[in-house]
Amino acid sequence: MKLRDFLIGFLFMLLYEIKRTVKSSIFSYLWFFVLVFIATYALFAETYVLSGNTEEPLMTLEYGSEAMRMIIIFSYTFIVSSSEAVLTGEVTDIAFPPEIGVMFFIIVPMILGLIMMGRFIMKKASVSIAKEKEKKTLFITVSSPQTRPSIYLGKFIAVFIISLPMIIYFYIITNWAFNSIFPLEANLSGVVFKTAIATVMLITSIGMLVSVLWNTEEKATKFGGKIVTLMVALTSLWIFIPVIELILNLTNNSTFFLLVLEKITYLSPFTIDLIAATNPGLLAGVFNVQLIAAIIFLVIGIVIFIRQDLEY
């Protein structure tokens, strides 16, 4: 395989795929921009004040999302501490510490943005090859001087590039939210940017592998959609594990099995992203793990694509 033939094929496929997919992505971009903006702007409706309260929380939770644990503990403590005022007929206004506001950001805008990007990328990647198989145009493409690795990588990079408007927008709106609402808290825009890149690369590589394994657009889309749905379900479970733990604690039931349940939810890249957001020190490790996994899926997809018999 000559390097020149590889590069020509790669660039041709890259430009072709970008031109083909961008036009069909305009509505998805607009929908993403609007929903993420609304979810982020909703944070402005709350009041955030610095708290000098150093008292120990009235309860502790060990498992699942740290963001959800902090929100539950704060809410429980607030309800207990304000119960006397409520009984006397006073209406107690709630003001959140900035760190709780950050947790709200992680639970709503961040997870919403990551899931929407994941679904968008999986849909584009999972049909990139399967669609051409079904239409019998892939046979013509692989019969040209272009090499199969250049075709595969061209499609892979094209899908990643069309995700960049979402990633950049997500970074900008995160930076805006933290500078405006939480100026004293650690700005998570850099974390959001890096986790989004790693997750998009991983989901793109998985979607491309799905596209190679299936021969019709419908089957590839459904299977890819099921994978993202499973990821979302695992992350949703991880977020609500503290709620389950709270209920079990109140009913004096064992919570040990939640540790195993929590480990299972780590199979979702969205869970890993949220863990990095609540513990930025883990970001480098999280990024490297997702990058290595993306490379593994990418190599497997290329090898399968090279060895496949394509009929006209």
Protein backbone atom coordinates (compact mmCIF):
# COMPACT_ATOMS: atom_id res chain seq x y z
CA MET A 1 0.00 0.00 0.00
CA LYS A 2 1.56 3.27 -1.12
CA LEU A 3 1.38 6.22 1.22
CA ARG A 4 0.33 8.50 -1.64
CA ASP A 5 -2.64 6.28 -2.57
CA PHE A 6 -3.64 6.10 1.09
CA LEU A 7 -3.55 9.86 1.58
CA ILE A 8 -5.44 10.60 -1.65
CA GLY A 9 -8.14 8.08 -0.77
CA PHE A 10 -8.32 9.32 2.79
CA LEU A 11 -8.71 12.99 1.84
CA PHE A 12 -11.25 12.23 -0.88
CA MET A 13 -13.39 10.15 1.48
CA LEU A 14 -13.03 12.70 4.28
CA LEU A 15 -14.24 15.62 2.15
CA TYR A 16 -17.02 13.54 0.59
CA GLU A 17 -18.34 12.35 3.95
CA ILE A 18 -18.21 15.80 5.56
CA LYS A 19 -20.10 17.36 2.65
CA ARG A 20 -22.67 14.54 2.70
CA THR A 21 -23.34 14.51 6.44
CA VAL A 22 -23.19 18.19 7.40
CA LYS A 23 -26.29 19.08 5.37
CA SER A 24 -28.33 16.42 7.15
CA SER A 25 -27.08 17.56 10.57
CA ILE A 26 -28.34 21.17 10.63
CA PHE A 27 -31.54 20.33 12.53
CA SER A 28 -29.60 18.20 15.05
CA TYR A 29 -27.21 21.10 15.67
CA LEU A 30 -30.05 23.56 16.27
CA TRP A 31 -31.89 21.15 18.58
CA PHE A 32 -28.70 20.54 20.56
CA PHE A 33 -27.92 24.26 20.86
CA VAL A 34 -31.42 25.12 22.07
CA LEU A 35 -31.83 22.34 24.64
CA VAL A 36 -28.36 22.72 26.15
CA PHE A 37 -28.86 26.49 26.39
CA ILE A 38 -32.24 26.08 28.12
CA ALA A 39 -30.86 23.50 30.56
CA THR A 40 -27.89 25.73 31.40
CA TYR A 41 -29.87 28.96 31.59
CA ALA A 42 -32.28 27.32 34.05
CA LEU A 43 -29.45 27.39 36.59
CA PHE A 44 -29.71 31.19 36.64
CA ALA A 45 -33.20 30.92 38.17
CA GLU A 46 -31.76 29.75 41.50
CA THR A 47 -30.07 31.78 44.23
CA TYR A 48 -26.48 30.87 45.14
CA VAL A 49 -24.77 32.21 48.25
CA LEU A 50 -21.52 31.39 49.97
CA SER A 51 -22.18 29.44 53.14
CA GLY A 52 -20.11 29.72 56.28
CA ASN A 53 -21.80 26.68 57.78
CA THR A 54 -19.17 24.17 58.89
CA GLU A 55 -21.56 21.78 60.65
CA GLU A 56 -21.40 18.11 59.80
CA PRO A 57 -24.18 16.93 57.46
CA LEU A 58 -27.04 15.09 59.09
CA MET A 59 -26.50 12.01 56.94
CA THR A 60 -23.88 10.32 54.74
CA LEU A 61 -24.13 8.44 51.46
CA GLU A 62 -21.36 6.31 49.97
CA TYR A 63 -22.37 5.02 46.56
CA GLY A 64 -23.17 6.35 43.11
CA SER A 65 -23.04 9.89 41.77
CA GLU A 66 -21.20 12.33 44.01
CA ALA A 67 -23.28 15.14 42.51
CA MET A 68 -26.54 13.43 43.47
CA ARG A 69 -25.17 12.54 46.92
CA MET A 70 -24.34 16.20 47.62
CA ILE A 71 -27.75 17.38 46.41
CA ILE A 72 -29.60 14.80 48.54
CA ILE A 73 -27.54 15.53 51.66
CA PHE A 74 -27.99 19.29 51.25
CA SER A 75 -31.75 18.92 50.67
CA TYR A 76 -32.19 16.57 53.62
CA THR A 77 -30.19 18.84 55.92
CA PHE A 78 -32.11 21.91 54.76
CA ILE A 79 -35.48 20.23 55.34
CA VAL A 80 -34.52 19.11 58.84
CA SER A 81 -32.97 22.44 59.83
CA SER A 82 -35.94 24.46 58.55
CA SER A 83 -38.69 22.17 59.90
CA GLU A 84 -39.17 24.26 63.04
CA ALA A 85 -39.70 27.43 60.99
CA VAL A 86 -42.16 25.64 58.71
CA LEU A 87 -44.19 24.43 61.70
CA THR A 88 -44.56 28.03 62.87
CA GLY A 89 -45.95 29.06 59.51
CA GLU A 90 -42.82 30.72 58.14
CA VAL A 91 -41.88 30.24 54.48
CA THR A 92 -38.19 29.49 54.23
CA ASP A 93 -36.46 30.52 51.04
CA ILE A 94 -33.77 28.15 49.85
CA ALA A 95 -30.39 29.47 48.74
CA PHE A 96 -27.92 26.97 47.33
CA PRO A 97 -24.18 27.03 47.97
CA PRO A 98 -22.25 27.45 44.68
CA GLU A 99 -20.87 23.91 44.95
CA ILE A 100 -24.41 22.55 44.89
CA GLY A 101 -25.10 24.67 41.81
CA VAL A 102 -22.12 23.02 40.14
CA MET A 103 -23.62 19.65 40.97
CA PHE A 104 -26.87 20.76 39.32
CA PHE A 105 -24.86 21.60 36.21
CA ILE A 106 -23.27 18.15 36.17
CA ILE A 107 -26.59 16.35 36.68
CA VAL A 108 -28.59 18.27 34.03
CA PRO A 109 -26.82 20.32 31.30
CA MET A 110 -23.67 18.21 31.21
CA ILE A 111 -25.35 14.81 31.03
CA LEU A 112 -27.93 16.17 28.58
CA GLY A 113 -25.22 17.51 26.27
CA LEU A 114 -23.16 14.31 26.39
CA ILE A 115 -26.16 12.08 25.70
CA MET A 116 -27.35 14.22 22.77
CA MET A 117 -23.86 14.18 21.26
CA GLY A 118 -23.62 10.44 21.81
CA ARG A 119 -26.91 9.71 20.06
CA PHE A 120 -26.05 12.05 17.18
CA ILE A 121 -22.60 10.54 16.62
CA MET A 122 -23.79 6.94 16.94
CA LYS A 123 -26.49 7.53 14.35
CA LYS A 124 -24.02 9.05 11.87
CA ALA A 125 -21.28 6.49 12.46
CA SER A 126 -23.46 3.37 12.48
CA VAL A 127 -24.85 4.04 8.99
CA SER A 128 -21.67 5.33 7.36
CA ILE A 129 -20.74 1.96 5.83
CA ALA A 130 -23.96 -0.03 6.28
CA LYS A 131 -25.88 2.49 4.17
CA GLU A 132 -23.46 2.10 1.27
CA LYS A 133 -23.58 -1.67 1.59
CA GLU A 134 -27.33 -1.61 1.28
CA LYS A 135 -27.27 0.70 -1.73
CA LYS A 136 -24.46 -1.34 -3.36
CA THR A 137 -22.30 1.77 -3.75
CA LEU A 138 -19.59 0.54 -1.38
CA PHE A 139 -18.51 -2.11 -3.90
CA ILE A 140 -17.72 0.64 -6.39
CA THR A 141 -15.84 2.64 -3.75
CA VAL A 142 -13.62 -0.26 -2.67
CA SER A 143 -12.99 -1.18 -6.31
CA SER A 144 -11.42 2.24 -6.90
CA PRO A 145 -7.73 2.96 -6.24
CA GLN A 146 -8.67 3.99 -2.68
CA THR A 147 -7.51 1.56 -0.02
CA ARG A 148 -9.93 0.15 2.52
CA PRO A 149 -8.07 1.63 5.53
CA SER A 150 -8.21 5.08 3.89
CA ILE A 151 -11.96 4.68 3.27
CA TYR A 152 -12.60 3.61 6.85
CA LEU A 153 -10.42 6.29 8.43
CA GLY A 154 -11.86 8.95 6.12
CA LYS A 155 -15.37 8.11 7.30
CA PHE A 156 -14.23 7.92 10.93
CA ILE A 157 -12.55 11.34 10.93
CA ALA A 158 -15.48 12.88 9.03
CA VAL A 159 -17.96 11.74 11.69
CA PHE A 160 -15.68 13.12 14.40
CA ILE A 161 -15.31 16.48 12.61
CA ILE A 162 -19.07 17.01 12.28
CA SER A 163 -19.30 16.66 16.07
CA LEU A 164 -16.93 19.59 16.62
CA PRO A 165 -19.64 22.33 16.44
CA MET A 166 -21.43 20.60 19.33
CA ILE A 167 -18.24 20.15 21.36
CA ILE A 168 -17.12 23.76 20.85
CA TYR A 169 -20.59 25.11 21.67
CA PHE A 170 -20.75 22.97 24.81
CA TYR A 171 -17.35 24.31 25.88
CA ILE A 172 -18.40 27.95 25.28
CA ILE A 173 -21.71 27.67 27.12
CA THR A 174 -20.05 25.87 30.06
CA ASN A 175 -17.42 28.59 30.31
CA TRP A 176 -20.17 31.24 30.19
CA ALA A 177 -22.16 29.54 32.96
CA PHE A 178 -19.20 29.21 35.30
CA ASN A 179 -17.94 32.74 34.72
CA SER A 180 -21.43 34.15 35.28
CA ILE A 181 -22.84 31.99 38.09
CA PHE A 182 -19.96 30.16 39.76
CA PRO A 183 -16.91 32.44 39.35
CA LEU A 184 -15.32 31.18 42.58
CA GLU A 185 -15.69 27.50 41.69
CA ALA A 186 -13.30 25.51 39.51
CA ASN A 187 -14.33 26.11 35.88
CA LEU A 188 -15.37 22.78 34.33
CA SER A 189 -15.27 23.99 30.71
CA GLY A 190 -11.89 22.34 30.13
CA VAL A 191 -13.13 19.09 31.67
CA VAL A 192 -16.28 19.20 29.54
CA PHE A 193 -14.22 19.81 26.39
CA LYS A 194 -11.83 16.91 27.00
CA THR A 195 -14.46 14.42 28.14
CA ALA A 196 -16.64 15.31 25.14
CA ILE A 197 -13.75 14.68 22.74
CA ALA A 198 -12.89 11.35 24.35
CA THR A 199 -16.51 10.20 24.43
CA VAL A 200 -17.19 11.23 20.84
CA MET A 201 -14.11 9.36 19.65
CA LEU A 202 -15.13 6.24 21.56
CA ILE A 203 -18.73 6.28 20.35
CA THR A 204 -17.60 7.01 16.78
CA SER A 205 -15.32 3.97 16.81
CA ILE A 206 -18.09 1.78 18.25
CA GLY A 207 -20.58 3.12 15.70
CA MET A 208 -18.19 2.47 12.82
CA LEU A 209 -17.72 -1.11 14.02
CA VAL A 210 -21.52 -1.53 14.12
CA SER A 211 -21.70 -0.17 10.58
CA VAL A 212 -19.21 -2.78 9.38
CA LEU A 213 -21.01 -5.66 11.08
CA TRP A 214 -24.48 -4.90 9.66
CA ASN A 215 -25.51 -4.83 6.00
CA THR A 216 -28.55 -2.54 6.16
CA GLU A 217 -29.03 0.99 7.41
CA GLU A 218 -32.08 0.06 9.49
CA LYS A 219 -30.37 -2.77 11.38
CA ALA A 220 -27.23 -0.73 12.01
CA THR A 221 -29.23 2.25 13.26
CA LYS A 222 -31.34 0.12 15.61
CA PHE A 223 -28.35 -1.73 17.05
CA GLY A 224 -26.36 1.48 17.48
CA GLY A 225 -29.35 3.10 19.14
CA LYS A 226 -29.63 0.19 21.57
CA ILE A 227 -25.98 0.60 22.55
CA VAL A 228 -26.45 4.30 23.39
CA THR A 229 -29.71 3.52 25.21
CA LEU A 230 -27.84 0.98 27.35
CA MET A 231 -25.15 3.59 28.09
CA VAL A 232 -27.81 6.11 29.10
CA ALA A 233 -29.60 3.52 31.27
CA LEU A 234 -26.39 2.62 33.12
CA THR A 235 -25.55 6.28 33.75
CA SER A 236 -29.10 7.02 34.88
CA LEU A 237 -28.84 4.12 37.31
CA TRP A 238 -25.51 5.47 38.60
CA ILE A 239 -27.05 8.91 39.15
CA PHE A 240 -29.96 7.50 41.15
CA ILE A 241 -27.99 4.97 43.21
CA PRO A 242 -27.78 7.51 46.10
CA VAL A 243 -31.58 7.73 46.07
CA ILE A 244 -31.78 3.93 46.37
CA GLU A 245 -29.18 4.04 49.14
CA LEU A 246 -31.18 6.68 51.03
CA ILE A 247 -34.33 4.55 50.86
CA LEU A 248 -32.45 1.45 52.01
CA ASN A 249 -30.88 3.37 54.90
CA LEU A 250 -34.26 4.67 56.02
CA THR A 251 -35.68 1.13 55.94
CA ASN A 252 -32.62 -0.43 57.63
CA ASN A 253 -31.79 -2.64 54.64
CA SER A 254 -28.33 -3.64 53.43
CA THR A 255 -26.67 -1.39 50.83
CA PHE A 256 -23.60 -3.54 50.15
CA PHE A 257 -24.86 -4.72 46.74
CA LEU A 258 -24.86 -1.10 45.56
CA LEU A 259 -21.06 -1.27 45.32
CA VAL A 260 -21.30 -4.00 42.67
CA LEU A 261 -24.10 -2.14 40.92
CA GLU A 262 -21.98 1.01 40.86
CA LYS A 263 -19.05 -0.81 39.23
CA ILE A 264 -21.34 -2.11 36.46
CA THR A 265 -22.45 1.42 35.60
CA TYR A 266 -18.80 2.32 34.85
CA LEU A 267 -19.24 0.50 31.53
CA SER A 268 -20.99 3.63 30.26
CA PRO A 269 -18.65 6.40 29.02
CA PHE A 270 -21.19 8.95 30.24
CA THR A 271 -20.71 7.68 33.81
CA ILE A 272 -16.96 8.01 33.46
CA ASP A 273 -17.37 11.57 32.15
CA LEU A 274 -19.47 12.60 35.15
CA ILE A 275 -16.95 11.04 37.53
CA ALA A 276 -14.21 13.14 35.89
CA ALA A 277 -16.38 16.25 36.27
CA THR A 278 -16.79 15.72 40.02
CA ASN A 279 -13.14 14.65 40.42
CA PRO A 280 -11.08 16.64 37.85
CA GLY A 281 -7.91 14.97 39.13
CA LEU A 282 -9.10 11.78 37.41
CA LEU A 283 -9.54 13.52 34.04
CA ALA A 284 -6.21 12.43 32.53
CA GLY A 285 -6.81 8.79 33.41
CA VAL A 286 -10.40 8.89 32.14
CA PHE A 287 -9.32 10.50 28.87
CA ASN A 288 -6.56 7.92 28.32
CA VAL A 289 -8.85 4.97 29.06
CA GLN A 290 -11.51 6.17 26.61
CA LEU A 291 -8.87 6.98 23.99
CA ILE A 292 -7.32 3.50 24.25
CA ALA A 293 -10.77 1.89 24.02
CA ALA A 294 -11.55 4.02 20.95
CA ILE A 295 -8.32 2.91 19.26
CA ILE A 296 -9.06 -0.75 20.01
CA PHE A 297 -12.56 -0.55 18.49
CA LEU A 298 -11.16 1.42 15.54
CA VAL A 299 -8.49 -1.20 14.78
CA ILE A 300 -11.00 -4.06 15.10
CA GLY A 301 -13.33 -2.27 12.69
CA ILE A 302 -10.58 -1.67 10.13
CA VAL A 303 -9.42 -5.30 10.26
CA ILE A 304 -12.97 -6.61 9.78
CA PHE A 305 -13.60 -4.14 6.94
CA ILE A 306 -10.39 -5.16 5.14
CA ARG A 307 -11.34 -8.86 5.30
CA GLN A 308 -14.99 -8.49 4.32
CA ASP A 309 -16.25 -9.78 0.97
CA LEU A 310 -18.41 -7.09 -0.59
CA GLU A 311 -20.89 -8.09 -3.28
CA TYR A 312 -22.29 -5.80 -5.91
